[in-house]
């Protein structure tokens, strides 16, 4: 018995595997199916928005703390004549 390998993405619904794209098989072709589950996108944690707010606040706090040093070392603005 010879065999060929074919990978087909399918959706399982109503007890039947339905290919996502057309498959070139003859009618009543016998096949052996190995199922590898495809993970869907993971859900965001419920507190994602709060985490981003905390990070933004920390960034603002760090920037405010550094502002004096940055301002002191920043090159003076030069007058440009047009």
C-alpha atoms as a PDB file:
ATOM      1  CA  UNK A   1       0.000   0.000   0.000  1.00  0.00           C
ATOM      2  CA  UNK A   2       1.510   3.354  -1.019  1.00  0.00           C
ATOM      3  CA  UNK A   3       0.599   6.638   0.608  1.00  0.00           C
ATOM      4  CA  UNK A   4       0.883  10.330  -0.123  1.00  0.00           C
ATOM      5  CA  UNK A   5       0.702  13.157   2.347  1.00  0.00           C
ATOM      6  CA  UNK A   6      -1.646  16.103   1.956  1.00  0.00           C
ATOM      7  CA  UNK A   7      -2.187  18.853   4.496  1.00  0.00           C
ATOM      8  CA  UNK A   8      -5.668  20.312   4.487  1.00  0.00           C
ATOM      9  CA  UNK A   9      -6.968  23.031   6.770  1.00  0.00           C
ATOM     10  CA  UNK A  10     -10.534  22.310   7.804  1.00  0.00           C
ATOM     11  CA  UNK A  11     -13.249  23.474  10.148  1.00  0.00           C
ATOM     12  CA  UNK A  12     -15.110  20.940  12.267  1.00  0.00           C
ATOM     13  CA  UNK A  13     -18.826  21.703  12.339  1.00  0.00           C
ATOM     14  CA  UNK A  14     -21.911  19.570  12.827  1.00  0.00           C
ATOM     15  CA  UNK A  15     -19.704  16.489  13.277  1.00  0.00           C
ATOM     16  CA  UNK A  16     -18.010  16.876   9.878  1.00  0.00           C
ATOM     17  CA  UNK A  17     -14.570  18.158   8.859  1.00  0.00           C
ATOM     18  CA  UNK A  18     -15.142  20.770   6.152  1.00  0.00           C
ATOM     19  CA  UNK A  19     -12.057  21.830   4.161  1.00  0.00           C
ATOM     20  CA  UNK A  20     -11.425  25.581   4.057  1.00  0.00           C
ATOM     21  CA  UNK A  21     -10.257  25.331   0.424  1.00  0.00           C
ATOM     22  CA  UNK A  22     -11.189  22.826  -2.315  1.00  0.00           C
ATOM     23  CA  UNK A  23      -9.451  19.435  -2.086  1.00  0.00           C
ATOM     24  CA  UNK A  24      -8.524  17.350  -5.126  1.00  0.00           C
ATOM     25  CA  UNK A  25      -9.714  13.885  -4.171  1.00  0.00           C
ATOM     26  CA  UNK A  26     -11.890  11.442  -6.027  1.00  0.00           C
ATOM     27  CA  UNK A  27     -15.382  10.848  -4.696  1.00  0.00           C
ATOM     28  CA  UNK A  28     -15.406   8.244  -1.889  1.00  0.00           C
ATOM     29  CA  UNK A  29     -11.586   8.354  -1.652  1.00  0.00           C
ATOM     30  CA  UNK A  30     -10.514   6.709   1.595  1.00  0.00           C
ATOM     31  CA  UNK A  31      -8.160   8.861   3.700  1.00  0.00           C
ATOM     32  CA  UNK A  32      -6.561   8.760   7.134  1.00  0.00           C
ATOM     33  CA  UNK A  33      -6.914  12.009   9.068  1.00  0.00           C
ATOM     34  CA  UNK A  34      -4.563  13.244  11.749  1.00  0.00           C
ATOM     35  CA  UNK A  35      -5.915  16.263  13.588  1.00  0.00           C
ATOM     36  CA  UNK A  36      -3.593  19.052  14.781  1.00  0.00           C
ATOM     37  CA  UNK A  37      -5.523  21.736  16.600  1.00  0.00           C
ATOM     38  CA  UNK A  38      -4.824  25.287  15.431  1.00  0.00           C
ATOM     39  CA  UNK A  39      -4.850  27.684  18.311  1.00  0.00           C
ATOM     40  CA  UNK A  40      -6.904  30.787  17.829  1.00  0.00           C
ATOM     41  CA  UNK A  41      -5.840  34.196  19.014  1.00  0.00           C
ATOM     42  CA  UNK A  42      -5.402  34.347  22.755  1.00  0.00           C
ATOM     43  CA  UNK A  43      -7.715  36.598  24.701  1.00  0.00           C
ATOM     44  CA  UNK A  44      -6.321  39.725  26.296  1.00  0.00           C
ATOM     45  CA  UNK A  45      -6.228  39.716  30.095  1.00  0.00           C
ATOM     46  CA  UNK A  46      -9.170  41.540  31.649  1.00  0.00           C
ATOM     47  CA  UNK A  47      -6.874  44.195  33.149  1.00  0.00           C
ATOM     48  CA  UNK A  48      -4.965  45.023  29.936  1.00  0.00           C
ATOM     49  CA  UNK A  49      -6.212  48.619  29.844  1.00  0.00           C
ATOM     50  CA  UNK A  50      -5.150  49.159  33.465  1.00  0.00           C
ATOM     51  CA  UNK A  51      -1.698  47.727  32.742  1.00  0.00           C
ATOM     52  CA  UNK A  52      -1.243  50.210  29.858  1.00  0.00           C
ATOM     53  CA  UNK A  53      -2.453  53.106  32.043  1.00  0.00           C
ATOM     54  CA  UNK A  54       0.089  52.158  34.719  1.00  0.00           C
ATOM     55  CA  UNK A  55       2.885  51.931  32.139  1.00  0.00           C
ATOM     56  CA  UNK A  56       1.960  55.315  30.663  1.00  0.00           C
ATOM     57  CA  UNK A  57       1.903  56.903  34.123  1.00  0.00           C
ATOM     58  CA  UNK A  58       5.321  55.402  34.890  1.00  0.00           C
ATOM     59  CA  UNK A  59       6.655  56.775  31.578  1.00  0.00           C
ATOM     60  CA  UNK A  60       5.298  60.250  32.425  1.00  0.00           C
ATOM     61  CA  UNK A  61       6.866  60.078  35.897  1.00  0.00           C
ATOM     62  CA  UNK A  62      10.259  59.059  34.488  1.00  0.00           C
ATOM     63  CA  UNK A  63      10.122  61.734  31.783  1.00  0.00           C
ATOM     64  CA  UNK A  64       9.224  64.422  34.330  1.00  0.00           C
ATOM     65  CA  UNK A  65      12.158  63.352  36.498  1.00  0.00           C
ATOM     66  CA  UNK A  66      14.561  63.561  33.569  1.00  0.00           C
ATOM     67  CA  UNK A  67      13.234  66.835  32.114  1.00  0.00           C
ATOM     68  CA  UNK A  68      15.542  69.123  34.098  1.00  0.00           C
ATOM     69  CA  UNK A  69      18.667  67.170  33.114  1.00  0.00           C
ATOM     70  CA  UNK A  70      17.670  66.996  29.461  1.00  0.00           C
ATOM     71  CA  UNK A  71      16.829  70.682  29.360  1.00  0.00           C
ATOM     72  CA  UNK A  72      20.165  71.599  30.962  1.00  0.00           C
ATOM     73  CA  UNK A  73      22.182  69.602  28.425  1.00  0.00           C
ATOM     74  CA  UNK A  74      20.110  70.380  25.312  1.00  0.00           C
ATOM     75  CA  UNK A  75      21.923  72.641  22.833  1.00  0.00           C
ATOM     76  CA  UNK A  76      20.712  76.220  22.909  1.00  0.00           C
ATOM     77  CA  UNK A  77      18.400  77.196  20.072  1.00  0.00           C
ATOM     78  CA  UNK A  78      20.213  79.153  17.391  1.00  0.00           C
ATOM     79  CA  UNK A  79      18.663  82.108  15.699  1.00  0.00           C
ATOM     80  CA  UNK A  80      18.271  81.356  12.019  1.00  0.00           C
ATOM     81  CA  UNK A  81      18.018  84.245   9.623  1.00  0.00           C
ATOM     82  CA  UNK A  82      16.052  83.603   6.459  1.00  0.00           C
END
